[in-house]
Every structure is written in structure tokens, then in C-alpha cells.
N, C-alpha and C. Protein backbone atom coordinates (compact mmCIF):
# COMPACT_ATOMS: atom_id res chain seq x y z
N MET A 1 2.60 20.82 -14.24
CA MET A 1 2.54 19.59 -13.44
C MET A 1 1.10 19.07 -13.48
N LEU A 2 0.94 17.77 -13.68
CA LEU A 2 -0.34 17.19 -13.73
C LEU A 2 -1.06 17.23 -12.37
N SER A 3 -2.34 17.32 -12.39
CA SER A 3 -3.09 17.38 -11.10
C SER A 3 -3.50 15.98 -10.71
N ILE A 4 -3.76 15.79 -9.42
CA ILE A 4 -4.20 14.54 -8.86
C ILE A 4 -5.51 14.79 -8.11
N ASP A 5 -6.44 13.92 -8.30
CA ASP A 5 -7.73 14.02 -7.51
C ASP A 5 -7.45 13.14 -6.26
N ILE A 6 -7.50 13.79 -5.08
CA ILE A 6 -7.29 13.05 -3.81
C ILE A 6 -8.73 12.79 -3.23
N ARG A 7 -8.98 11.50 -2.95
CA ARG A 7 -10.22 11.14 -2.37
C ARG A 7 -10.03 10.47 -1.02
N THR A 8 -10.38 11.14 0.02
CA THR A 8 -10.27 10.69 1.40
C THR A 8 -11.56 9.97 1.78
N LEU A 9 -11.47 8.64 1.96
CA LEU A 9 -12.66 7.81 2.22
C LEU A 9 -12.59 7.24 3.61
N GLY A 10 -13.57 6.63 4.06
CA GLY A 10 -13.62 6.00 5.40
C GLY A 10 -13.24 4.51 5.31
N VAL A 11 -13.96 3.70 6.10
CA VAL A 11 -13.72 2.27 6.12
C VAL A 11 -14.60 1.63 5.02
N ILE A 12 -14.00 0.91 4.09
CA ILE A 12 -14.68 0.32 2.97
C ILE A 12 -14.35 -1.13 2.88
N GLU A 13 -15.41 -1.95 2.69
CA GLU A 13 -15.16 -3.39 2.47
C GLU A 13 -14.18 -3.62 1.26
N TYR A 14 -13.39 -4.59 1.40
CA TYR A 14 -12.38 -4.85 0.39
C TYR A 14 -13.02 -5.09 -0.98
N THR A 15 -14.05 -5.89 -1.03
CA THR A 15 -14.69 -6.22 -2.31
C THR A 15 -15.29 -4.99 -2.96
N ASP A 16 -15.81 -4.03 -2.14
CA ASP A 16 -16.33 -2.79 -2.67
C ASP A 16 -15.23 -1.93 -3.26
N ALA A 17 -14.08 -1.95 -2.56
CA ALA A 17 -12.90 -1.20 -3.08
C ALA A 17 -12.41 -1.78 -4.40
N LEU A 18 -12.48 -3.08 -4.54
CA LEU A 18 -12.04 -3.69 -5.82
C LEU A 18 -12.90 -3.16 -6.99
N LYS A 19 -14.22 -3.15 -6.76
CA LYS A 19 -15.08 -2.65 -7.81
C LYS A 19 -14.84 -1.19 -8.12
N MET A 20 -14.60 -0.43 -7.08
CA MET A 20 -14.34 0.99 -7.30
C MET A 20 -13.05 1.24 -8.07
N MET A 21 -11.97 0.51 -7.69
CA MET A 21 -10.68 0.65 -8.40
C MET A 21 -10.84 0.21 -9.87
N SER A 22 -11.59 -0.85 -10.14
CA SER A 22 -11.71 -1.31 -11.52
C SER A 22 -12.44 -0.26 -12.36
N THR A 23 -13.46 0.36 -11.79
CA THR A 23 -14.17 1.45 -12.53
C THR A 23 -13.31 2.59 -12.77
N LEU A 24 -12.58 3.03 -11.74
CA LEU A 24 -11.71 4.23 -11.85
C LEU A 24 -10.53 3.96 -12.86
N GLN A 25 -10.01 2.72 -12.82
CA GLN A 25 -8.92 2.39 -13.76
C GLN A 25 -9.41 2.51 -15.22
N LYS A 26 -10.59 2.02 -15.51
CA LYS A 26 -11.12 2.16 -16.86
C LYS A 26 -11.35 3.59 -17.23
N GLN A 27 -11.86 4.39 -16.25
CA GLN A 27 -12.09 5.79 -16.55
C GLN A 27 -10.75 6.55 -16.78
N ARG A 28 -9.70 6.17 -16.02
CA ARG A 28 -8.41 6.80 -16.22
C ARG A 28 -7.82 6.43 -17.58
N ILE A 29 -7.97 5.18 -17.97
CA ILE A 29 -7.41 4.76 -19.29
C ILE A 29 -8.11 5.56 -20.41
N ASN A 30 -9.42 5.85 -20.23
CA ASN A 30 -10.15 6.55 -21.24
C ASN A 30 -10.07 8.08 -21.07
N ASN A 31 -9.19 8.55 -20.17
CA ASN A 31 -9.00 9.95 -19.85
C ASN A 31 -10.26 10.68 -19.44
N GLU A 32 -11.13 9.95 -18.76
CA GLU A 32 -12.36 10.54 -18.24
C GLU A 32 -12.14 11.16 -16.90
N ILE A 33 -11.08 10.76 -16.20
CA ILE A 33 -10.72 11.32 -14.92
C ILE A 33 -9.20 11.56 -14.89
N PRO A 34 -8.75 12.47 -14.01
CA PRO A 34 -7.30 12.67 -13.88
C PRO A 34 -6.74 11.56 -13.00
N ASP A 35 -5.42 11.52 -12.85
CA ASP A 35 -4.79 10.61 -11.88
C ASP A 35 -5.55 10.84 -10.52
N THR A 36 -5.83 9.72 -9.90
CA THR A 36 -6.65 9.72 -8.69
C THR A 36 -6.00 8.83 -7.60
N VAL A 37 -5.99 9.35 -6.39
CA VAL A 37 -5.41 8.59 -5.25
C VAL A 37 -6.48 8.46 -4.15
N LEU A 38 -6.73 7.22 -3.76
CA LEU A 38 -7.73 6.95 -2.72
C LEU A 38 -7.00 6.71 -1.37
N PHE A 39 -7.46 7.32 -0.35
CA PHE A 39 -6.99 7.06 1.02
C PHE A 39 -8.22 6.43 1.82
N LEU A 40 -7.98 5.27 2.39
CA LEU A 40 -9.07 4.56 3.05
C LEU A 40 -8.54 3.49 4.04
N GLU A 41 -9.46 2.81 4.67
CA GLU A 41 -9.14 1.65 5.52
C GLU A 41 -10.09 0.54 5.20
N HIS A 42 -9.71 -0.69 5.53
CA HIS A 42 -10.57 -1.86 5.35
C HIS A 42 -10.87 -2.52 6.64
N PRO A 43 -12.04 -3.16 6.80
CA PRO A 43 -12.23 -4.14 7.91
C PRO A 43 -11.17 -5.29 7.73
N GLU A 44 -10.93 -5.99 8.78
CA GLU A 44 -9.79 -6.99 8.69
C GLU A 44 -10.06 -8.01 7.59
N ILE A 45 -9.01 -8.20 6.77
CA ILE A 45 -9.03 -9.22 5.74
C ILE A 45 -7.62 -9.42 5.25
N VAL A 46 -7.28 -10.61 4.80
CA VAL A 46 -5.95 -10.88 4.25
C VAL A 46 -6.13 -11.11 2.77
N THR A 47 -5.44 -10.35 1.95
CA THR A 47 -5.51 -10.55 0.48
C THR A 47 -4.38 -11.49 0.06
N VAL A 48 -4.68 -12.40 -0.83
CA VAL A 48 -3.78 -13.47 -1.21
C VAL A 48 -3.40 -13.23 -2.69
N GLY A 49 -2.20 -12.85 -2.93
CA GLY A 49 -1.69 -12.64 -4.26
C GLY A 49 -1.17 -13.89 -4.95
N PRO A 50 -0.84 -13.77 -6.23
CA PRO A 50 -0.43 -14.98 -6.99
C PRO A 50 0.80 -15.60 -6.45
N ARG A 51 1.72 -14.86 -5.90
CA ARG A 51 2.98 -15.45 -5.35
C ARG A 51 2.62 -16.39 -4.21
N ALA A 52 1.74 -15.94 -3.31
CA ALA A 52 1.36 -16.82 -2.16
C ALA A 52 0.63 -18.06 -2.71
N ARG A 53 -0.27 -17.90 -3.66
CA ARG A 53 -0.98 -19.05 -4.18
C ARG A 53 -0.02 -20.02 -4.85
N ASN A 54 0.95 -19.55 -5.61
CA ASN A 54 1.91 -20.39 -6.29
C ASN A 54 2.77 -21.14 -5.27
N ASP A 55 3.06 -20.46 -4.15
CA ASP A 55 3.94 -21.09 -3.13
C ASP A 55 3.14 -21.94 -2.11
N GLY A 56 1.81 -22.00 -2.30
CA GLY A 56 0.99 -22.73 -1.38
C GLY A 56 0.89 -22.12 0.00
N VAL A 57 1.07 -20.74 0.09
CA VAL A 57 0.97 -20.11 1.34
C VAL A 57 -0.45 -19.55 1.57
N ALA A 58 -1.04 -19.83 2.70
CA ALA A 58 -2.36 -19.36 3.04
C ALA A 58 -2.36 -18.76 4.43
N PRO A 59 -3.24 -17.81 4.71
CA PRO A 59 -3.39 -17.25 6.04
C PRO A 59 -3.98 -18.24 7.01
N PRO A 60 -3.73 -18.07 8.31
CA PRO A 60 -4.40 -18.95 9.29
C PRO A 60 -5.92 -18.93 9.17
N SER A 61 -6.55 -19.94 9.66
CA SER A 61 -8.00 -20.12 9.44
C SER A 61 -8.82 -19.05 10.13
N ASP A 62 -8.31 -18.37 11.13
CA ASP A 62 -9.08 -17.35 11.84
C ASP A 62 -9.00 -15.96 11.17
N TYR A 63 -8.44 -15.89 9.94
CA TYR A 63 -8.40 -14.63 9.16
C TYR A 63 -9.30 -14.75 7.92
N ARG A 64 -10.17 -13.81 7.71
CA ARG A 64 -10.88 -13.73 6.43
C ARG A 64 -9.89 -13.48 5.34
N SER A 65 -10.12 -14.04 4.16
CA SER A 65 -9.15 -13.80 3.07
C SER A 65 -9.85 -13.62 1.73
N HIS A 66 -9.14 -13.12 0.76
CA HIS A 66 -9.74 -12.85 -0.55
C HIS A 66 -8.60 -12.88 -1.58
N PRO A 67 -8.75 -13.60 -2.70
CA PRO A 67 -7.70 -13.65 -3.74
C PRO A 67 -7.65 -12.34 -4.50
N VAL A 68 -6.47 -11.91 -4.93
CA VAL A 68 -6.30 -10.68 -5.68
C VAL A 68 -5.31 -10.93 -6.84
N ASP A 69 -5.30 -10.00 -7.80
CA ASP A 69 -4.46 -10.11 -8.94
C ASP A 69 -3.21 -9.22 -8.92
N ARG A 70 -3.01 -8.47 -7.84
CA ARG A 70 -1.84 -7.64 -7.76
C ARG A 70 -0.64 -8.43 -7.44
N GLY A 71 0.58 -7.90 -7.62
CA GLY A 71 1.77 -8.61 -7.33
C GLY A 71 1.92 -8.89 -5.84
N GLY A 72 2.74 -9.91 -5.49
CA GLY A 72 3.03 -10.15 -4.11
C GLY A 72 2.29 -11.36 -3.58
N GLY A 73 2.38 -11.48 -2.23
CA GLY A 73 1.79 -12.60 -1.53
C GLY A 73 0.65 -12.25 -0.60
N LEU A 74 0.84 -12.56 0.68
CA LEU A 74 -0.21 -12.25 1.66
C LEU A 74 -0.04 -10.80 2.16
N THR A 75 -1.14 -10.08 2.22
CA THR A 75 -1.12 -8.73 2.80
C THR A 75 -2.28 -8.55 3.74
N TRP A 76 -2.00 -8.17 4.98
CA TRP A 76 -3.03 -7.96 5.97
C TRP A 76 -3.62 -6.58 5.80
N HIS A 77 -4.95 -6.48 5.92
CA HIS A 77 -5.64 -5.20 5.99
C HIS A 77 -6.49 -5.18 7.22
N GLY A 78 -6.69 -4.00 7.82
CA GLY A 78 -7.52 -3.90 8.99
C GLY A 78 -7.46 -2.60 9.70
N PRO A 79 -8.01 -2.48 10.87
CA PRO A 79 -7.97 -1.21 11.61
C PRO A 79 -6.50 -0.77 11.90
N GLY A 80 -6.29 0.55 11.94
CA GLY A 80 -4.94 1.05 12.19
C GLY A 80 -4.02 0.96 11.04
N GLN A 81 -4.52 0.75 9.87
CA GLN A 81 -3.70 0.68 8.64
C GLN A 81 -4.27 1.64 7.61
N LEU A 82 -3.41 2.54 7.11
CA LEU A 82 -3.76 3.44 6.05
C LEU A 82 -3.56 2.71 4.69
N VAL A 83 -4.57 2.64 3.88
CA VAL A 83 -4.50 2.05 2.54
C VAL A 83 -4.53 3.14 1.54
N VAL A 84 -3.60 3.08 0.57
CA VAL A 84 -3.51 4.11 -0.47
C VAL A 84 -3.52 3.43 -1.82
N TYR A 85 -4.53 3.81 -2.63
CA TYR A 85 -4.65 3.22 -3.93
C TYR A 85 -4.47 4.26 -4.98
N PRO A 86 -3.30 4.29 -5.70
CA PRO A 86 -3.10 5.22 -6.78
C PRO A 86 -3.59 4.70 -8.07
N ILE A 87 -4.61 5.43 -8.58
CA ILE A 87 -5.13 5.08 -9.95
C ILE A 87 -4.44 6.08 -10.87
N ILE A 88 -3.23 5.77 -11.23
CA ILE A 88 -2.35 6.70 -11.89
C ILE A 88 -1.90 6.17 -13.24
N HIS A 89 -1.81 7.04 -14.27
CA HIS A 89 -1.16 6.64 -15.51
C HIS A 89 0.29 7.00 -15.39
N TRP A 90 1.10 5.92 -15.28
CA TRP A 90 2.57 6.13 -15.03
C TRP A 90 3.27 6.27 -16.40
N ASN A 91 3.62 7.45 -16.74
CA ASN A 91 4.18 7.72 -18.07
C ASN A 91 5.33 8.71 -18.09
N LYS A 92 5.92 8.96 -16.97
CA LYS A 92 7.04 9.91 -16.91
C LYS A 92 8.35 9.16 -17.20
N GLY A 93 9.40 9.96 -17.39
CA GLY A 93 10.66 9.40 -17.83
C GLY A 93 11.32 8.44 -16.83
N ASP A 94 11.02 8.64 -15.53
CA ASP A 94 11.57 7.74 -14.54
C ASP A 94 10.58 6.65 -14.10
N GLU A 95 9.59 6.37 -15.00
CA GLU A 95 8.59 5.35 -14.70
C GLU A 95 8.46 4.33 -15.85
N LYS A 96 9.61 3.80 -16.30
CA LYS A 96 9.71 2.95 -17.44
C LYS A 96 9.40 1.50 -17.14
N SER A 97 9.40 1.12 -15.86
CA SER A 97 9.15 -0.30 -15.50
C SER A 97 8.36 -0.36 -14.21
N VAL A 98 7.85 -1.57 -13.92
CA VAL A 98 7.18 -1.78 -12.64
C VAL A 98 8.15 -1.50 -11.48
N ALA A 99 9.38 -1.94 -11.63
CA ALA A 99 10.34 -1.74 -10.54
C ALA A 99 10.56 -0.24 -10.33
N ASP A 100 10.60 0.56 -11.40
CA ASP A 100 10.75 2.01 -11.24
C ASP A 100 9.59 2.59 -10.42
N ILE A 101 8.41 2.15 -10.76
CA ILE A 101 7.15 2.68 -10.12
C ILE A 101 7.14 2.29 -8.63
N ILE A 102 7.47 1.04 -8.34
CA ILE A 102 7.44 0.56 -6.95
C ILE A 102 8.51 1.35 -6.14
N SER A 103 9.68 1.58 -6.79
CA SER A 103 10.71 2.36 -6.09
C SER A 103 10.28 3.78 -5.83
N LYS A 104 9.53 4.35 -6.76
CA LYS A 104 9.02 5.72 -6.55
C LYS A 104 8.02 5.75 -5.40
N ILE A 105 7.12 4.73 -5.37
CA ILE A 105 6.20 4.66 -4.21
C ILE A 105 6.92 4.54 -2.88
N GLU A 106 7.93 3.65 -2.84
CA GLU A 106 8.73 3.47 -1.64
C GLU A 106 9.35 4.81 -1.26
N SER A 107 9.88 5.57 -2.21
CA SER A 107 10.50 6.87 -1.94
C SER A 107 9.51 7.84 -1.37
N TRP A 108 8.31 7.77 -1.84
CA TRP A 108 7.21 8.62 -1.35
C TRP A 108 6.89 8.34 0.14
N VAL A 109 6.78 7.05 0.46
CA VAL A 109 6.52 6.67 1.85
C VAL A 109 7.73 7.06 2.75
N ILE A 110 8.96 6.79 2.28
CA ILE A 110 10.13 7.14 3.05
C ILE A 110 10.15 8.64 3.35
N ALA A 111 9.90 9.43 2.30
CA ALA A 111 9.93 10.93 2.47
C ALA A 111 8.84 11.40 3.44
N SER A 112 7.67 10.74 3.34
CA SER A 112 6.59 11.17 4.23
C SER A 112 6.90 10.80 5.70
N LEU A 113 7.50 9.64 5.94
CA LEU A 113 7.87 9.24 7.26
C LEU A 113 8.94 10.17 7.86
N GLU A 114 9.84 10.61 6.97
CA GLU A 114 10.95 11.51 7.43
C GLU A 114 10.32 12.77 8.03
N THR A 115 9.30 13.28 7.38
CA THR A 115 8.67 14.58 7.91
C THR A 115 8.07 14.34 9.27
N LEU A 116 7.81 13.07 9.66
CA LEU A 116 7.28 12.71 10.98
C LEU A 116 8.33 12.28 11.97
N GLY A 117 9.60 12.37 11.53
CA GLY A 117 10.70 11.96 12.43
C GLY A 117 10.92 10.49 12.51
N VAL A 118 10.49 9.78 11.50
CA VAL A 118 10.65 8.30 11.44
C VAL A 118 11.56 7.99 10.25
N LYS A 119 12.63 7.14 10.50
CA LYS A 119 13.57 6.80 9.46
C LYS A 119 13.09 5.50 8.79
N GLY A 120 12.52 5.62 7.59
CA GLY A 120 12.13 4.49 6.80
C GLY A 120 13.20 4.14 5.77
N TYR A 121 13.25 2.90 5.32
CA TYR A 121 14.27 2.49 4.35
C TYR A 121 13.84 1.23 3.65
N ARG A 122 14.55 0.92 2.54
CA ARG A 122 14.28 -0.35 1.82
C ARG A 122 15.13 -1.46 2.46
N ASP A 123 14.68 -2.69 2.25
CA ASP A 123 15.40 -3.87 2.76
C ASP A 123 15.36 -4.93 1.69
N ASN A 124 16.48 -5.60 1.43
CA ASN A 124 16.52 -6.56 0.36
C ASN A 124 15.74 -7.85 0.63
N ARG A 125 15.14 -7.95 1.80
CA ARG A 125 14.30 -9.12 2.07
C ARG A 125 12.96 -9.03 1.35
N MET A 126 12.43 -7.88 1.11
CA MET A 126 11.12 -7.75 0.50
C MET A 126 10.91 -6.25 0.15
N GLN A 127 10.24 -6.02 -0.98
CA GLN A 127 9.87 -4.66 -1.34
C GLN A 127 8.92 -4.08 -0.31
N GLY A 128 8.89 -2.78 -0.24
CA GLY A 128 8.11 -2.09 0.80
C GLY A 128 8.98 -1.14 1.55
N VAL A 129 8.54 -0.69 2.72
CA VAL A 129 9.33 0.19 3.56
C VAL A 129 9.47 -0.41 4.95
N TRP A 130 10.64 -0.26 5.48
CA TRP A 130 10.98 -0.88 6.78
C TRP A 130 11.39 0.20 7.77
N VAL A 131 11.16 -0.04 9.08
CA VAL A 131 11.50 0.83 10.11
C VAL A 131 12.05 -0.01 11.23
N ASP A 132 13.25 0.30 11.75
CA ASP A 132 13.82 -0.41 12.88
C ASP A 132 13.84 -1.94 12.76
N GLY A 133 14.12 -2.38 11.54
CA GLY A 133 14.24 -3.85 11.28
C GLY A 133 12.88 -4.52 11.00
N LYS A 134 11.81 -3.81 10.99
CA LYS A 134 10.49 -4.40 10.81
C LYS A 134 9.85 -3.74 9.54
N LYS A 135 9.00 -4.53 8.90
CA LYS A 135 8.31 -4.05 7.73
C LYS A 135 6.98 -3.42 8.16
N ILE A 136 6.78 -2.13 7.76
CA ILE A 136 5.58 -1.45 8.12
C ILE A 136 4.75 -1.02 6.91
N CYS A 137 5.28 -1.19 5.73
CA CYS A 137 4.64 -0.77 4.49
C CYS A 137 4.78 -1.85 3.43
N SER A 138 3.63 -2.27 2.88
CA SER A 138 3.67 -3.21 1.78
C SER A 138 3.18 -2.57 0.48
N VAL A 139 3.76 -3.00 -0.63
CA VAL A 139 3.39 -2.42 -1.94
C VAL A 139 3.04 -3.58 -2.89
N GLY A 140 1.94 -3.43 -3.59
CA GLY A 140 1.51 -4.42 -4.58
C GLY A 140 0.59 -3.79 -5.57
N LEU A 141 0.97 -3.82 -6.82
CA LEU A 141 0.20 -3.13 -7.91
C LEU A 141 -0.17 -4.11 -9.01
N SER A 142 -1.24 -3.64 -9.69
CA SER A 142 -1.67 -4.35 -10.93
C SER A 142 -1.83 -3.25 -12.02
N PHE A 143 -1.49 -3.54 -13.25
CA PHE A 143 -1.51 -2.52 -14.30
C PHE A 143 -2.35 -2.96 -15.49
N LEU A 144 -2.95 -1.98 -16.11
CA LEU A 144 -3.64 -2.14 -17.38
C LEU A 144 -3.29 -0.86 -18.19
N GLN A 145 -2.57 -1.03 -19.31
CA GLN A 145 -2.13 0.10 -20.14
C GLN A 145 -1.39 1.13 -19.29
N TRP A 146 -0.62 0.63 -18.36
CA TRP A 146 0.20 1.43 -17.45
C TRP A 146 -0.58 2.33 -16.51
N VAL A 147 -1.82 1.98 -16.32
CA VAL A 147 -2.62 2.62 -15.24
C VAL A 147 -2.76 1.63 -14.09
N SER A 148 -2.42 2.03 -12.91
CA SER A 148 -2.31 1.13 -11.78
C SER A 148 -3.60 0.97 -11.04
N ARG A 149 -3.76 -0.23 -10.45
CA ARG A 149 -4.78 -0.50 -9.45
C ARG A 149 -4.06 -1.05 -8.23
N HIS A 150 -4.76 -1.18 -7.17
CA HIS A 150 -4.15 -1.63 -5.91
C HIS A 150 -3.11 -0.51 -5.46
N GLY A 151 -2.17 -0.81 -4.58
CA GLY A 151 -1.29 0.22 -4.14
C GLY A 151 -0.43 -0.16 -2.98
N PHE A 152 -0.54 0.56 -1.85
CA PHE A 152 0.33 0.29 -0.72
C PHE A 152 -0.41 0.52 0.56
N THR A 153 0.14 -0.03 1.62
CA THR A 153 -0.38 0.13 3.02
C THR A 153 0.68 0.55 3.95
N ILE A 154 0.25 1.30 4.97
CA ILE A 154 1.15 1.71 6.03
C ILE A 154 0.48 1.33 7.36
N ASN A 155 1.11 0.51 8.14
CA ASN A 155 0.58 0.09 9.43
C ASN A 155 0.99 1.11 10.45
N TYR A 156 0.04 1.90 10.98
CA TYR A 156 0.40 2.91 11.97
C TYR A 156 -0.02 2.54 13.36
N ASP A 157 -1.16 1.79 13.57
CA ASP A 157 -1.53 1.39 14.90
C ASP A 157 -2.49 0.18 14.80
N THR A 158 -2.03 -0.90 14.32
CA THR A 158 -2.83 -2.10 14.12
C THR A 158 -3.03 -2.89 15.40
N PRO A 159 -4.08 -3.70 15.52
CA PRO A 159 -4.31 -4.50 16.72
C PRO A 159 -3.14 -5.41 17.00
N THR A 160 -2.76 -5.48 18.26
CA THR A 160 -1.56 -6.27 18.66
C THR A 160 -1.69 -7.71 18.22
N GLY A 161 -0.69 -8.19 17.49
CA GLY A 161 -0.62 -9.62 17.13
C GLY A 161 -1.23 -10.00 15.83
N ARG A 162 -2.13 -9.19 15.26
CA ARG A 162 -2.81 -9.63 14.05
C ARG A 162 -1.91 -9.63 12.83
N VAL A 163 -1.25 -8.49 12.53
CA VAL A 163 -0.39 -8.49 11.37
C VAL A 163 0.91 -9.23 11.70
N GLU A 164 1.31 -9.24 12.98
CA GLU A 164 2.52 -9.93 13.40
C GLU A 164 2.44 -11.46 13.28
N ASN A 165 1.22 -11.98 13.40
CA ASN A 165 1.02 -13.41 13.30
C ASN A 165 0.95 -13.99 11.93
N LEU A 166 1.07 -13.06 10.94
CA LEU A 166 0.92 -13.50 9.53
C LEU A 166 2.29 -13.64 8.90
N ALA A 167 2.55 -14.77 8.26
CA ALA A 167 3.81 -14.98 7.60
C ALA A 167 3.54 -15.25 6.13
N GLY A 168 4.44 -14.91 5.29
CA GLY A 168 4.27 -15.16 3.87
C GLY A 168 5.39 -14.63 3.04
N CYS A 169 5.58 -15.15 1.85
CA CYS A 169 6.58 -14.68 0.89
C CYS A 169 8.00 -14.73 1.41
N GLY A 170 8.26 -15.74 2.26
CA GLY A 170 9.60 -15.90 2.78
C GLY A 170 9.92 -15.11 4.03
N LEU A 171 8.99 -14.30 4.47
CA LEU A 171 9.19 -13.55 5.72
C LEU A 171 8.65 -14.34 6.93
N GLN A 172 9.37 -14.28 8.02
CA GLN A 172 8.91 -14.93 9.20
C GLN A 172 7.80 -14.18 9.91
N GLU A 173 7.05 -14.85 10.76
CA GLU A 173 6.07 -14.17 11.57
C GLU A 173 6.78 -13.08 12.41
N SER A 174 6.09 -12.01 12.70
CA SER A 174 6.55 -10.92 13.50
C SER A 174 7.51 -9.99 12.74
N THR A 175 7.79 -10.30 11.44
CA THR A 175 8.59 -9.37 10.65
C THR A 175 7.84 -8.12 10.29
N THR A 176 6.54 -8.26 10.01
CA THR A 176 5.74 -7.09 9.70
C THR A 176 5.02 -6.66 11.02
N THR A 177 4.99 -5.36 11.22
CA THR A 177 4.38 -4.80 12.41
C THR A 177 3.85 -3.41 12.15
N SER A 178 3.52 -2.67 13.15
CA SER A 178 3.04 -1.25 12.99
C SER A 178 3.98 -0.28 13.64
N LEU A 179 3.78 0.98 13.28
CA LEU A 179 4.61 2.05 13.89
C LEU A 179 4.34 2.15 15.38
N ALA A 180 3.09 1.90 15.82
CA ALA A 180 2.80 1.98 17.26
C ALA A 180 3.56 0.92 18.06
N GLN A 181 3.71 -0.28 17.47
CA GLN A 181 4.46 -1.30 18.19
C GLN A 181 5.94 -0.98 18.25
N LEU A 182 6.37 -0.08 17.41
CA LEU A 182 7.80 0.36 17.42
C LEU A 182 7.90 1.66 18.22
N ASN A 183 6.86 2.05 18.92
CA ASN A 183 6.81 3.22 19.82
C ASN A 183 6.82 4.53 19.07
N TYR A 184 6.27 4.52 17.83
CA TYR A 184 6.01 5.77 17.12
C TYR A 184 4.54 6.06 17.14
N LYS A 185 4.16 7.11 17.85
CA LYS A 185 2.74 7.43 18.03
C LYS A 185 2.28 8.42 16.92
N ILE A 186 1.78 7.85 15.87
CA ILE A 186 1.35 8.60 14.70
C ILE A 186 -0.08 8.19 14.29
N ASP A 187 -0.96 9.14 14.24
CA ASP A 187 -2.34 8.79 13.83
C ASP A 187 -2.57 8.89 12.34
N ARG A 188 -3.71 8.49 11.88
CA ARG A 188 -3.97 8.43 10.45
C ARG A 188 -3.87 9.83 9.80
N LYS A 189 -4.43 10.84 10.49
CA LYS A 189 -4.42 12.16 9.87
C LYS A 189 -3.02 12.71 9.65
N LYS A 190 -2.14 12.54 10.65
CA LYS A 190 -0.76 12.97 10.48
C LYS A 190 -0.06 12.21 9.35
N LEU A 191 -0.30 10.89 9.27
CA LEU A 191 0.30 10.10 8.21
C LEU A 191 -0.22 10.50 6.86
N GLN A 192 -1.49 10.71 6.75
CA GLN A 192 -2.03 11.12 5.48
C GLN A 192 -1.59 12.51 5.05
N ASP A 193 -1.54 13.41 6.01
CA ASP A 193 -1.05 14.76 5.72
C ASP A 193 0.39 14.75 5.23
N SER A 194 1.22 13.89 5.85
CA SER A 194 2.61 13.81 5.41
C SER A 194 2.72 13.29 4.00
N LEU A 195 1.88 12.35 3.60
CA LEU A 195 1.91 11.83 2.25
C LEU A 195 1.45 12.91 1.28
N LEU A 196 0.50 13.74 1.63
CA LEU A 196 0.00 14.80 0.79
C LEU A 196 1.04 15.89 0.68
N ASP A 197 1.81 16.14 1.75
CA ASP A 197 2.84 17.18 1.70
C ASP A 197 4.01 16.81 0.82
N THR A 198 4.23 15.52 0.59
CA THR A 198 5.40 15.07 -0.16
C THR A 198 5.06 14.53 -1.54
N ILE A 199 3.75 14.50 -1.88
CA ILE A 199 3.38 13.82 -3.11
C ILE A 199 3.89 14.53 -4.39
N SER A 200 3.88 15.89 -4.33
CA SER A 200 4.29 16.66 -5.54
C SER A 200 5.77 16.47 -5.80
N ASP A 201 6.59 16.53 -4.71
CA ASP A 201 8.04 16.38 -4.86
C ASP A 201 8.42 15.00 -5.44
N ILE A 202 7.75 13.97 -4.95
CA ILE A 202 8.16 12.64 -5.24
C ILE A 202 7.48 12.10 -6.60
N LEU A 203 6.23 12.31 -6.71
CA LEU A 203 5.51 11.83 -7.90
C LEU A 203 5.50 12.82 -9.06
N ASN A 204 5.92 14.07 -8.79
CA ASN A 204 5.91 15.11 -9.81
C ASN A 204 4.52 15.28 -10.44
N ARG A 205 3.54 15.29 -9.57
CA ARG A 205 2.13 15.47 -9.96
C ARG A 205 1.50 16.34 -8.94
């Protein structure tokens, strides 16, 4: 089984994380590093993907924003959200397409939530992971030679109203929320530990 380098980081500005991911992606393509997964958080910012730009969707004026090249539309980042960036060369038999890879990431999140007593699931309204009718996990990736950048987020205890007030990609306001707002009291360490406990079974690395 391939090894993964797990890097647990603190709060990092989004633009600094972009530079870090770009460097790591090039290193992974050149086999200078193994598959690498970053765990971190960002100060509040809304990233604007190509789908949002094409649809003319923008965040409200009181949100900082930054354009990105990963798939999807608007994604909120901020306190109380675990951000996971897999810099992985996806080359296994069940990783033949972007849809396969996104499904595998969703399965990873669902499995990790299950260990915490939370039932996560997919919903045909939008990719990601949902709990109790609300979206708590967003997934958006960018690839170069099948090595990924960007990744996924899990909202565990975000400030009240901030992610809920953001609408985009056909979802209504208040569709996305956090586990805390759904009365699941889970901190970052428990969430991160659950992802680490399930990574081998789901990603086979």
C-alpha cells in the first residue's frame, strides 16, 4: 500500500495555500514527494470557481473573495471549517475519472462521519456530503497529469449565519451549514482523527 504524507497545519491565508499546493503538485508529478494530504483552516474568504463566474454568481459585498480554477462555484472558507487538500496521484483501478475520484472522497467523508455517530450521505442537488437535509461538505478539485490540487471542506462549527447566507450553484441560502448548527458537537481534532482512521480503507493508501 502506498504511503501518504499527512501535514497538519494551522490557519493559513488562502493565497499562501494556493502557492503551497502548486509547488506540491509539481513535486508530486515529478515523484519528488509521496501522496500528500494537508489539513488546515483559512481566515474567512469565499472562493469563486468557474461555474459561479459563468453563471454570474458572486458573493455578497461583505465577504472577501478570490477566483480559483477548481471545479464548482462559490465555496465559503473560515473559522470552524476543516479544509483538506489531497495532493494525490490518482491512478488506481477505481479512479478512472474525475467523477470516480469525487465519489471516493465523498465516501471517505461519509465513513469518517459514521465513526462519529453522524449519518452523512450524497444528495442529487449537489456533489459533496449532506447531513439532515443540509450540505456540510463541499468538494472541488483541479488536476494536472491526474495529480490533484484543492480538495474538500467540512463545516464543523462555523460562525452563525456566514456560510448559511451564501447561495450559489443553484442552491438556496441556508442549504449549506455546519455540524454544530445541526446539534452535532464535534471539534476539529475529532473530525481530523476520524478522517485519518478511515483513510487507508477508503483511499487504499
